[in-house]
Amino acid sequence: MHRAAASDSVRPPTHGEACASATLVFDSLSVADLKPRHAATITGLTEAGGAGKSTGLVQRLAELGFIVGETVSVLHRGPGGREPIAVQVGDTVFALRRHEACCIRVMHGRMSRQTAPGVPAAARAVEAAQ
């Protein structure tokens, strides 16, 4: 019987693991795919590695403000174009690791929340009334 080591459960997925499964689910890019000084609209969040495993990362990203319809911009990348990836959502700048950035699905360009895919009709109606 194989016992999983504690480090097995907390090991972040590699770039290939995190982005490959998400690419199969969505026909879009991830924040990790964006070039510096490019903006995009968030279309969804996916768990790293897929396979239905919940790590809590998607919930944490949503709580930080990475929600469908928001505009996200990549500001800078770390040494050699790697991590951390500095991104801006609203007025807030975050430093993300590559596996976190791969969980944020985006579509090029800026969209209003009225036209962003995945924004529930009820949310659009509330915003339109304001």
C-alpha atoms as a PDB file:
ATOM      1  CA  MET A   1       0.000   0.000   0.000  1.00  0.00           C
ATOM      2  CA  HIS A   2       1.364   3.383  -1.012  1.00  0.00           C
ATOM      3  CA  ARG A   3       1.068   6.185   1.506  1.00  0.00           C
ATOM      4  CA  ALA A   4       1.121   9.702   0.207  1.00  0.00           C
ATOM      5  CA  ALA A   5       3.725  11.905   1.769  1.00  0.00           C
ATOM      6  CA  ALA A   6       2.620  15.213   3.217  1.00  0.00           C
ATOM      7  CA  SER A   7       4.543  16.978   0.472  1.00  0.00           C
ATOM      8  CA  ASP A   8       2.500  15.100  -2.177  1.00  0.00           C
ATOM      9  CA  SER A   9      -0.706  16.814  -1.108  1.00  0.00           C
ATOM     10  CA  VAL A  10       0.689  20.348  -1.120  1.00  0.00           C
ATOM     11  CA  ARG A  11       2.902  20.191  -4.201  1.00  0.00           C
ATOM     12  CA  PRO A  12       1.717  22.819  -6.684  1.00  0.00           C
ATOM     13  CA  PRO A  13       1.148  21.451 -10.174  1.00  0.00           C
ATOM     14  CA  THR A  14       3.734  22.181 -12.801  1.00  0.00           C
ATOM     15  CA  HIS A  15       2.890  24.629 -15.570  1.00  0.00           C
ATOM     16  CA  GLY A  16       2.004  21.768 -17.907  1.00  0.00           C
ATOM     17  CA  GLU A  17      -0.269  20.075 -15.364  1.00  0.00           C
ATOM     18  CA  ALA A  18      -2.072  23.263 -14.400  1.00  0.00           C
ATOM     19  CA  CYS A  19      -2.602  24.743 -17.836  1.00  0.00           C
ATOM     20  CA  ALA A  20      -3.059  21.600 -19.920  1.00  0.00           C
ATOM     21  CA  SER A  21      -6.187  20.411 -18.149  1.00  0.00           C
ATOM     22  CA  ALA A  22      -7.722  23.871 -18.137  1.00  0.00           C
ATOM     23  CA  THR A  23      -7.041  24.260 -21.844  1.00  0.00           C
ATOM     24  CA  LEU A  24      -9.073  21.119 -22.520  1.00  0.00           C
ATOM     25  CA  VAL A  25     -12.042  22.507 -20.610  1.00  0.00           C
ATOM     26  CA  PHE A  26     -12.102  26.044 -22.016  1.00  0.00           C
ATOM     27  CA  ASP A  27     -11.321  27.414 -25.437  1.00  0.00           C
ATOM     28  CA  SER A  28      -9.616  30.450 -23.937  1.00  0.00           C
ATOM     29  CA  LEU A  29      -6.326  31.606 -22.501  1.00  0.00           C
ATOM     30  CA  SER A  30      -5.114  31.751 -18.950  1.00  0.00           C
ATOM     31  CA  VAL A  31      -3.529  34.768 -17.294  1.00  0.00           C
ATOM     32  CA  ALA A  32      -0.238  32.839 -17.483  1.00  0.00           C
ATOM     33  CA  ASP A  33      -0.513  32.999 -21.302  1.00  0.00           C
ATOM     34  CA  LEU A  34      -0.865  36.799 -21.465  1.00  0.00           C
ATOM     35  CA  LYS A  35       2.060  39.030 -22.364  1.00  0.00           C
ATOM     36  CA  PRO A  36       3.017  41.982 -20.132  1.00  0.00           C
ATOM     37  CA  ARG A  37       0.951  45.137 -20.653  1.00  0.00           C
ATOM     38  CA  HIS A  38      -1.969  43.164 -22.097  1.00  0.00           C
ATOM     39  CA  ALA A  39      -5.475  43.266 -20.655  1.00  0.00           C
ATOM     40  CA  ALA A  40      -8.149  40.577 -20.823  1.00  0.00           C
ATOM     41  CA  THR A  41     -11.563  39.802 -19.366  1.00  0.00           C
ATOM     42  CA  ILE A  42     -11.935  36.975 -16.867  1.00  0.00           C
ATOM     43  CA  THR A  43     -14.249  34.264 -18.219  1.00  0.00           C
ATOM     44  CA  GLY A  44     -13.904  31.713 -15.414  1.00  0.00           C
ATOM     45  CA  LEU A  45     -11.788  30.000 -12.803  1.00  0.00           C
ATOM     46  CA  THR A  46     -10.639  26.374 -12.876  1.00  0.00           C
ATOM     47  CA  GLU A  47      -8.943  24.187 -10.302  1.00  0.00           C
ATOM     48  CA  ALA A  48      -5.290  23.506 -11.035  1.00  0.00           C
ATOM     49  CA  GLY A  49      -4.796  20.015 -12.417  1.00  0.00           C
ATOM     50  CA  GLY A  50      -8.507  19.534 -13.102  1.00  0.00           C
ATOM     51  CA  ALA A  51      -9.807  16.062 -12.213  1.00  0.00           C
ATOM     52  CA  GLY A  52     -12.355  17.603  -9.844  1.00  0.00           C
ATOM     53  CA  LYS A  53      -9.899  18.001  -6.965  1.00  0.00           C
ATOM     54  CA  SER A  54     -10.741  21.006  -4.838  1.00  0.00           C
ATOM     55  CA  THR A  55      -7.719  22.786  -3.406  1.00  0.00           C
ATOM     56  CA  GLY A  56      -9.561  25.932  -2.352  1.00  0.00           C
ATOM     57  CA  LEU A  57      -7.480  27.974  -4.792  1.00  0.00           C
ATOM     58  CA  VAL A  58     -10.463  28.942  -6.960  1.00  0.00           C
ATOM     59  CA  GLN A  59     -12.388  30.160  -3.908  1.00  0.00           C
ATOM     60  CA  ARG A  60      -9.380  32.151  -2.706  1.00  0.00           C
ATOM     61  CA  LEU A  61      -8.892  33.773  -6.122  1.00  0.00           C
ATOM     62  CA  ALA A  62     -12.597  34.687  -6.283  1.00  0.00           C
ATOM     63  CA  GLU A  63     -12.439  36.206  -2.793  1.00  0.00           C
ATOM     64  CA  LEU A  64      -9.482  38.337  -3.915  1.00  0.00           C
ATOM     65  CA  GLY A  65     -11.537  39.782  -6.786  1.00  0.00           C
ATOM     66  CA  PHE A  66     -10.776  37.499  -9.728  1.00  0.00           C
ATOM     67  CA  ILE A  67     -14.398  37.186 -10.816  1.00  0.00           C
ATOM     68  CA  VAL A  68     -16.066  36.667 -14.189  1.00  0.00           C
ATOM     69  CA  GLY A  69     -16.341  39.902 -16.155  1.00  0.00           C
ATOM     70  CA  GLU A  70     -13.513  41.724 -14.380  1.00  0.00           C
ATOM     71  CA  THR A  71     -10.601  43.055 -16.416  1.00  0.00           C
ATOM     72  CA  VAL A  72      -7.174  41.722 -15.525  1.00  0.00           C
ATOM     73  CA  SER A  73      -3.874  43.119 -16.798  1.00  0.00           C
ATOM     74  CA  VAL A  74      -0.445  41.515 -16.688  1.00  0.00           C
ATOM     75  CA  LEU A  75       1.986  44.218 -15.577  1.00  0.00           C
ATOM     76  CA  HIS A  76       5.307  42.422 -15.214  1.00  0.00           C
ATOM     77  CA  ARG A  77       6.888  38.995 -15.022  1.00  0.00           C
ATOM     78  CA  GLY A  78       9.722  37.846 -12.834  1.00  0.00           C
ATOM     79  CA  PRO A  79      13.286  37.197 -13.985  1.00  0.00           C
ATOM     80  CA  GLY A  80      13.459  35.445 -17.327  1.00  0.00           C
ATOM     81  CA  GLY A  81       9.747  36.032 -17.951  1.00  0.00           C
ATOM     82  CA  ARG A  82       8.761  33.489 -15.286  1.00  0.00           C
ATOM     83  CA  GLU A  83       7.195  33.992 -11.881  1.00  0.00           C
ATOM     84  CA  PRO A  84       5.997  35.857 -10.043  1.00  0.00           C
ATOM     85  CA  ILE A  85       3.508  37.363 -12.469  1.00  0.00           C
ATOM     86  CA  ALA A  86       2.337  40.832 -11.418  1.00  0.00           C
ATOM     87  CA  VAL A  87      -1.314  41.322 -12.382  1.00  0.00           C
ATOM     88  CA  GLN A  88      -3.800  44.087 -11.747  1.00  0.00           C
ATOM     89  CA  VAL A  89      -7.522  43.658 -11.104  1.00  0.00           C
ATOM     90  CA  GLY A  90      -9.282  46.950 -10.492  1.00  0.00           C
ATOM     91  CA  ASP A  91      -6.958  49.108  -8.402  1.00  0.00           C
ATOM     92  CA  THR A  92      -5.184  46.154  -6.779  1.00  0.00           C
ATOM     93  CA  VAL A  93      -1.916  44.548  -7.877  1.00  0.00           C
ATOM     94  CA  PHE A  94      -1.233  40.884  -7.068  1.00  0.00           C
ATOM     95  CA  ALA A  95       1.847  38.709  -7.477  1.00  0.00           C
ATOM     96  CA  LEU A  96       0.750  35.271  -8.690  1.00  0.00           C
ATOM     97  CA  ARG A  97       2.634  32.042  -9.136  1.00  0.00           C
ATOM     98  CA  ARG A  98       2.301  30.365 -12.513  1.00  0.00           C
ATOM     99  CA  HIS A  99      -0.045  27.619 -11.244  1.00  0.00           C
ATOM    100  CA  GLU A 100      -2.352  30.284  -9.769  1.00  0.00           C
ATOM    101  CA  ALA A 101      -2.346  32.306 -13.001  1.00  0.00           C
ATOM    102  CA  CYS A 102      -3.221  29.146 -14.969  1.00  0.00           C
ATOM    103  CA  CYS A 103      -6.449  28.843 -12.964  1.00  0.00           C
ATOM    104  CA  ILE A 104      -7.738  32.206 -14.223  1.00  0.00           C
ATOM    105  CA  ARG A 105      -9.321  31.817 -17.679  1.00  0.00           C
ATOM    106  CA  VAL A 106      -9.510  34.958 -19.808  1.00  0.00           C
ATOM    107  CA  MET A 107     -10.547  36.289 -23.205  1.00  0.00           C
ATOM    108  CA  HIS A 108      -8.448  38.968 -24.915  1.00  0.00           C
ATOM    109  CA  GLY A 109      -9.651  42.533 -24.620  1.00  0.00           C
ATOM    110  CA  ARG A 110     -11.896  44.366 -22.222  1.00  0.00           C
ATOM    111  CA  MET A 111     -15.610  43.670 -21.998  1.00  0.00           C
ATOM    112  CA  SER A 112     -18.332  45.181 -19.924  1.00  0.00           C
ATOM    113  CA  ARG A 113     -19.878  42.883 -17.345  1.00  0.00           C
ATOM    114  CA  GLN A 114     -23.047  43.196 -19.449  1.00  0.00           C
ATOM    115  CA  THR A 115     -21.495  41.237 -22.305  1.00  0.00           C
ATOM    116  CA  ALA A 116     -18.972  39.031 -20.480  1.00  0.00           C
ATOM    117  CA  PRO A 117     -19.638  35.303 -20.889  1.00  0.00           C
ATOM    118  CA  GLY A 118     -20.558  33.494 -17.710  1.00  0.00           C
ATOM    119  CA  VAL A 119     -22.050  36.481 -15.899  1.00  0.00           C
ATOM    120  CA  PRO A 120     -25.481  35.376 -14.685  1.00  0.00           C
ATOM    121  CA  ALA A 121     -28.437  37.273 -16.155  1.00  0.00           C
ATOM    122  CA  ALA A 122     -29.594  38.223 -12.641  1.00  0.00           C
ATOM    123  CA  ALA A 123     -26.244  39.927 -11.945  1.00  0.00           C
ATOM    124  CA  ARG A 124     -26.488  41.828 -15.217  1.00  0.00           C
ATOM    125  CA  ALA A 125     -30.032  42.963 -14.376  1.00  0.00           C
ATOM    126  CA  VAL A 126     -28.964  44.224 -10.936  1.00  0.00           C
ATOM    127  CA  GLU A 127     -26.021  46.140 -12.405  1.00  0.00           C
ATOM    128  CA  ALA A 128     -28.196  47.630 -15.146  1.00  0.00           C
ATOM    129  CA  ALA A 129     -30.661  48.902 -12.535  1.00  0.00           C
ATOM    130  CA  GLN A 130     -27.921  50.721 -10.600  1.00  0.00           C
END
